[in-house]
């Protein structure tokens, strides 16, 4: 069974960032660069990453700056472009290691908006796009007052004001009691972000809203039917504004948000691998 190693790369501002690498256990047929959600980190997704690696996919799972194994300024990002540049750097590293292998960018939950924004802003960097219950149109949104506060923070450059992540109940993530306990006790899970990070997310939203037609990549959208975090109907409508003519949508009707933790885990991973194999190197 494939096991991960923790590796690092240097961001364009000089910060050393960590990622987990699950090397393919056989000939590399494809590569995935994966981006996690607002609270999680790459360590949550060991099962799916192992299964992809066993199927010949090299998996590079980034820990976002300020999250997971990256302890500097926890929960913070200065702006959306900073986060995009971090992922560009990692994608270029992966391209150097696998110059002739199809590269899929996978974003889940909050990481879905980061993946979609990168596909809009730098479409030539990736070949395919995978969005797992992406945070493009969340049900849990800032109030009008909170939006005014964020605008004030951006206007006055108040980047480091701490804000609690509104996901304190792990039952929003999964119906699996064991995994709920895992989330509650995970020392690397984020509980707070900064006003700068939240405004970074709004930067990414604007990029996707304005430039969704630049996403011409084959795209896989996977949704949880009982998601209490993501608005599935609006997410599907948003995906239909993409420029791609190759959009595949799969919904698991009885699953909650984090498919990795649900009873459909093996089904969803199998479906994902089947889709990744479509254009894989034989």
Protein backbone atom coordinates (compact mmCIF):
# COMPACT_ATOMS: atom_id res chain seq x y z
CA UNK A 1 0.00 0.00 0.00
CA UNK A 2 1.26 3.47 -0.89
CA UNK A 3 2.28 5.63 2.05
CA UNK A 4 2.81 9.37 2.04
CA UNK A 5 5.92 11.40 2.63
CA UNK A 6 5.89 15.00 3.80
CA UNK A 7 7.70 17.29 1.40
CA UNK A 8 8.17 21.04 1.14
CA UNK A 9 8.56 23.73 -1.48
CA UNK A 10 9.37 27.43 -1.33
CA UNK A 11 6.59 29.86 -2.15
CA UNK A 12 7.35 32.95 -4.22
CA UNK A 13 7.46 35.08 -1.04
CA UNK A 14 10.07 32.78 0.51
CA UNK A 15 7.77 30.86 2.87
CA UNK A 16 8.40 27.10 3.08
CA UNK A 17 5.14 25.20 2.57
CA UNK A 18 4.40 21.54 3.27
CA UNK A 19 2.54 18.97 1.23
CA UNK A 20 1.94 15.24 1.43
CA UNK A 21 3.03 13.12 -1.52
CA UNK A 22 1.52 9.72 -2.22
CA UNK A 23 3.69 8.28 -5.03
CA UNK A 24 2.04 5.98 -7.54
CA UNK A 25 2.75 2.35 -6.68
CA UNK A 26 2.98 1.43 -10.36
CA UNK A 27 3.66 3.26 -13.60
CA UNK A 28 2.46 6.87 -13.26
CA UNK A 29 -0.63 7.29 -15.43
CA UNK A 30 -1.70 10.67 -14.08
CA UNK A 31 -1.00 13.20 -11.36
CA UNK A 32 -3.34 15.01 -8.99
CA UNK A 33 -2.64 18.24 -7.14
CA UNK A 34 -5.20 18.39 -4.33
CA UNK A 35 -6.42 21.31 -2.19
CA UNK A 36 -8.25 20.85 1.13
CA UNK A 37 -11.10 22.72 2.83
CA UNK A 38 -11.19 25.64 5.23
CA UNK A 39 -10.85 23.57 8.42
CA UNK A 40 -9.15 20.40 7.20
CA UNK A 41 -5.69 19.53 5.91
CA UNK A 42 -4.08 16.90 3.70
CA UNK A 43 -3.98 14.35 6.53
CA UNK A 44 -7.78 13.97 6.42
CA UNK A 45 -7.67 12.40 2.96
CA UNK A 46 -5.31 9.48 3.40
CA UNK A 47 -7.73 6.80 2.19
CA UNK A 48 -8.64 8.39 -1.14
CA UNK A 49 -5.04 9.46 -1.76
CA UNK A 50 -3.77 5.93 -1.12
CA UNK A 51 -6.39 4.46 -3.44
CA UNK A 52 -5.47 6.89 -6.22
CA UNK A 53 -1.78 6.08 -5.76
CA UNK A 54 -2.54 2.35 -5.95
CA UNK A 55 -4.29 3.04 -9.26
CA UNK A 56 -1.21 4.71 -10.76
CA UNK A 57 -1.96 8.35 -9.87
CA UNK A 58 0.75 10.39 -8.16
CA UNK A 59 -0.99 12.52 -5.52
CA UNK A 60 0.45 15.84 -4.31
CA UNK A 61 -1.81 17.11 -1.53
CA UNK A 62 -1.03 20.68 -0.50
CA UNK A 63 -1.45 22.04 2.98
CA UNK A 64 -2.62 25.63 2.50
CA UNK A 65 -0.44 28.32 4.06
CA UNK A 66 -1.51 28.79 7.66
CA UNK A 67 -3.15 25.36 7.77
CA UNK A 68 -2.22 21.76 8.52
CA UNK A 69 1.53 21.34 8.78
CA UNK A 70 2.12 25.02 7.99
CA UNK A 71 2.24 26.70 11.39
CA UNK A 72 3.22 30.24 10.35
CA UNK A 73 0.31 32.68 10.83
CA UNK A 74 -2.36 30.05 11.37
CA UNK A 75 -5.56 30.67 9.46
CA UNK A 76 -4.20 33.64 7.56
CA UNK A 77 -3.71 34.72 3.96
CA UNK A 78 -3.10 38.26 2.77
CA UNK A 79 -5.21 38.05 -0.39
CA UNK A 80 -6.51 35.63 -2.98
CA UNK A 81 -3.62 36.09 -5.37
CA UNK A 82 -1.21 34.97 -2.64
CA UNK A 83 -3.05 31.64 -2.37
CA UNK A 84 -3.17 31.24 -6.15
CA UNK A 85 0.54 31.89 -6.43
CA UNK A 86 1.24 29.21 -3.81
CA UNK A 87 -0.59 26.62 -5.90
CA UNK A 88 1.06 27.76 -9.11
CA UNK A 89 4.43 27.09 -7.48
CA UNK A 90 3.40 23.58 -6.47
CA UNK A 91 1.93 22.81 -9.90
CA UNK A 92 5.17 23.89 -11.54
CA UNK A 93 7.12 21.59 -9.21
CA UNK A 94 4.83 18.70 -10.18
CA UNK A 95 5.17 19.53 -13.88
CA UNK A 96 8.95 19.39 -13.58
CA UNK A 97 8.74 15.92 -12.01
CA UNK A 98 6.09 14.66 -14.47
CA UNK A 99 6.42 16.77 -17.62
CA UNK A 100 4.38 14.52 -19.92
CA UNK A 101 1.68 13.23 -17.58
CA UNK A 102 -1.91 14.60 -17.46
CA UNK A 103 -2.36 16.82 -14.39
CA UNK A 104 -5.70 17.11 -12.61
CA UNK A 105 -6.31 19.87 -10.09
CA UNK A 106 -8.61 18.64 -7.32
CA UNK A 107 -10.27 21.04 -4.91
CA UNK A 108 -12.64 20.00 -2.16
CA UNK A 109 -14.96 22.15 -0.07
CA UNK A 110 -13.31 25.60 0.40
CA UNK A 111 -10.40 24.34 -1.71
CA UNK A 112 -12.84 23.97 -4.59
CA UNK A 113 -13.09 27.73 -5.00
CA UNK A 114 -9.28 27.95 -4.99
CA UNK A 115 -9.04 25.23 -7.64
CA UNK A 116 -11.73 26.82 -9.81
CA UNK A 117 -10.13 30.27 -9.50
CA UNK A 118 -6.75 28.88 -10.58
CA UNK A 119 -8.36 27.15 -13.56
CA UNK A 120 -9.86 30.54 -14.50
CA UNK A 121 -6.73 32.60 -13.93
CA UNK A 122 -4.08 30.16 -15.22
CA UNK A 123 -5.90 27.66 -17.44
CA UNK A 124 -2.74 26.41 -19.16
CA UNK A 125 -1.28 25.11 -15.90
CA UNK A 126 -3.71 22.20 -15.51
CA UNK A 127 -5.33 19.65 -17.80
CA UNK A 128 -8.42 18.61 -15.85
CA UNK A 129 -10.46 19.89 -12.92
CA UNK A 130 -12.06 17.90 -10.08
CA UNK A 131 -14.42 19.67 -7.67
CA UNK A 132 -15.58 17.72 -4.63
CA UNK A 133 -18.51 19.41 -2.84
CA UNK A 134 -16.82 22.74 -3.69
CA UNK A 135 -17.36 25.93 -1.70
CA UNK A 136 -18.49 27.93 -4.71
CA UNK A 137 -21.99 28.51 -3.35
CA UNK A 138 -22.10 27.69 0.36
CA UNK A 139 -25.21 27.54 2.48
CA UNK A 140 -23.23 28.93 5.42
CA UNK A 141 -22.46 32.50 4.38
CA UNK A 142 -21.49 35.77 6.09
CA UNK A 143 -24.37 37.99 7.18
CA UNK A 144 -24.78 41.45 5.67
CA UNK A 145 -23.19 42.93 8.81
CA UNK A 146 -20.25 40.54 8.57
CA UNK A 147 -19.76 41.46 4.91
CA UNK A 148 -19.64 45.14 5.88
CA UNK A 149 -17.03 44.30 8.51
CA UNK A 150 -14.94 42.46 5.92
CA UNK A 151 -15.15 45.42 3.54
CA UNK A 152 -14.06 47.71 6.36
CA UNK A 153 -11.16 45.37 7.19
CA UNK A 154 -10.01 45.31 3.55
CA UNK A 155 -10.32 49.08 3.16
CA UNK A 156 -8.31 49.76 6.34
CA UNK A 157 -5.86 46.86 5.83
CA UNK A 158 -6.98 45.03 8.97
CA UNK A 159 -5.82 41.59 7.91
CA UNK A 160 -5.25 39.74 11.17
CA UNK A 161 -8.55 40.05 13.04
CA UNK A 162 -9.43 36.49 14.21
CA UNK A 163 -12.78 35.04 13.15
CA UNK A 164 -14.19 31.71 14.34
CA UNK A 165 -14.90 29.21 11.56
CA UNK A 166 -18.69 28.56 11.71
CA UNK A 167 -18.22 24.79 11.56
CA UNK A 168 -17.82 24.01 15.25
CA UNK A 169 -20.34 21.15 15.02
CA UNK A 170 -18.60 18.23 13.25
CA UNK A 171 -22.00 16.78 12.39
CA UNK A 172 -22.04 19.33 9.58
CA UNK A 173 -19.07 17.48 8.09
CA UNK A 174 -20.15 13.86 8.48
CA UNK A 175 -22.71 11.51 9.98
CA UNK A 176 -19.91 9.14 11.03
CA UNK A 177 -19.57 9.43 14.81
CA UNK A 178 -15.99 8.13 14.82
CA UNK A 179 -14.94 10.73 12.28
CA UNK A 180 -16.79 13.43 14.23
CA UNK A 181 -14.56 12.59 17.19
CA UNK A 182 -11.53 12.69 14.92
CA UNK A 183 -12.43 16.21 13.80
CA UNK A 184 -13.07 17.37 17.36
CA UNK A 185 -9.71 16.06 18.55
CA UNK A 186 -7.55 16.88 15.53
CA UNK A 187 -4.81 19.29 16.71
CA UNK A 188 -4.14 20.42 13.14
CA UNK A 189 -7.75 21.33 12.30
CA UNK A 190 -8.34 25.07 12.05
CA UNK A 191 -10.83 26.65 14.44
CA UNK A 192 -10.15 30.30 13.55
CA UNK A 193 -9.18 32.19 10.41
CA UNK A 194 -8.40 35.86 9.89
CA UNK A 195 -10.27 38.67 8.20
CA UNK A 196 -7.51 38.60 5.58
CA UNK A 197 -8.24 34.95 4.84
CA UNK A 198 -11.98 35.55 4.52
CA UNK A 199 -11.35 38.44 2.16
CA UNK A 200 -9.00 36.17 0.21
CA UNK A 201 -11.93 33.82 -0.30
CA UNK A 202 -14.04 36.70 -1.58
CA UNK A 203 -11.23 37.51 -4.04
CA UNK A 204 -11.42 33.96 -5.36
CA UNK A 205 -15.22 34.12 -5.61
CA UNK A 206 -14.97 37.23 -7.78
CA UNK A 207 -12.49 35.54 -10.11
CA UNK A 208 -14.79 32.56 -10.63
CA UNK A 209 -17.91 34.73 -11.01
CA UNK A 210 -16.24 36.89 -13.65
CA UNK A 211 -14.15 34.35 -15.54
CA UNK A 212 -15.93 31.00 -15.29
CA UNK A 213 -16.01 30.86 -19.08
CA UNK A 214 -12.22 30.38 -19.02
CA UNK A 215 -12.66 26.91 -17.53
CA UNK A 216 -12.48 24.74 -20.65
CA UNK A 217 -11.00 21.74 -18.86
CA UNK A 218 -12.82 18.43 -18.57
CA UNK A 219 -14.46 18.83 -15.16
CA UNK A 220 -15.78 16.35 -12.61
CA UNK A 221 -18.22 17.70 -10.00
CA UNK A 222 -19.00 15.38 -7.06
CA UNK A 223 -21.66 16.34 -4.52
CA UNK A 224 -23.14 15.02 -1.27
CA UNK A 225 -26.94 14.88 -1.40
CA UNK A 226 -27.39 15.69 2.30
CA UNK A 227 -24.79 18.44 2.42
CA UNK A 228 -25.57 21.06 5.06
CA UNK A 229 -22.65 23.29 4.05
CA UNK A 230 -22.90 23.54 0.25
CA UNK A 231 -25.89 24.65 -1.84
CA UNK A 232 -25.89 21.89 -4.42
CA UNK A 233 -28.48 23.46 -6.72
CA UNK A 234 -26.59 26.75 -7.01
CA UNK A 235 -23.28 24.90 -7.33
CA UNK A 236 -24.58 22.92 -10.31
CA UNK A 237 -25.85 26.12 -11.92
CA UNK A 238 -22.44 27.74 -11.39
CA UNK A 239 -20.65 24.77 -12.95
CA UNK A 240 -22.89 25.10 -16.00
CA UNK A 241 -21.46 28.60 -16.57
CA UNK A 242 -17.99 27.10 -17.09
CA UNK A 243 -16.64 27.19 -20.63
CA UNK A 244 -16.14 23.42 -20.72
CA UNK A 245 -18.25 21.14 -22.87
CA UNK A 246 -17.10 18.16 -20.79
CA UNK A 247 -18.79 18.41 -17.39
CA UNK A 248 -19.59 15.28 -15.39
CA UNK A 249 -21.75 15.63 -12.28
CA UNK A 250 -22.15 12.86 -9.71
CA UNK A 251 -24.26 13.14 -6.55
CA UNK A 252 -24.35 10.67 -3.66
CA UNK A 253 -27.87 11.23 -2.30
CA UNK A 254 -27.42 9.81 1.21
CA UNK A 255 -23.99 11.31 1.93
CA UNK A 256 -23.09 14.35 3.99
CA UNK A 257 -20.41 16.89 3.20
CA UNK A 258 -17.07 15.09 3.58
CA UNK A 259 -17.35 12.10 1.24
CA UNK A 260 -14.05 10.78 2.60
CA UNK A 261 -15.76 10.09 5.94
CA UNK A 262 -19.07 8.73 4.66
CA UNK A 263 -20.30 5.20 3.96
CA UNK A 264 -20.03 5.90 0.21
CA UNK A 265 -16.27 6.47 0.54
CA UNK A 266 -15.18 3.51 -1.58
CA UNK A 267 -17.85 4.19 -4.19
CA UNK A 268 -16.87 7.82 -4.57
CA UNK A 269 -13.15 7.00 -4.74
CA UNK A 270 -13.80 4.33 -7.35
CA UNK A 271 -15.84 6.77 -9.43
CA UNK A 272 -13.09 9.36 -9.11
CA UNK A 273 -10.39 6.91 -10.22
CA UNK A 274 -12.50 5.76 -13.17
CA UNK A 275 -12.85 9.38 -14.31
CA UNK A 276 -9.14 10.10 -13.86
CA UNK A 277 -8.29 7.04 -15.98
CA UNK A 278 -10.21 8.32 -18.98
CA UNK A 279 -7.28 10.32 -20.36
CA UNK A 280 -4.51 8.62 -18.39
CA UNK A 281 -1.30 7.43 -19.99
CA UNK A 282 -1.63 3.75 -20.82
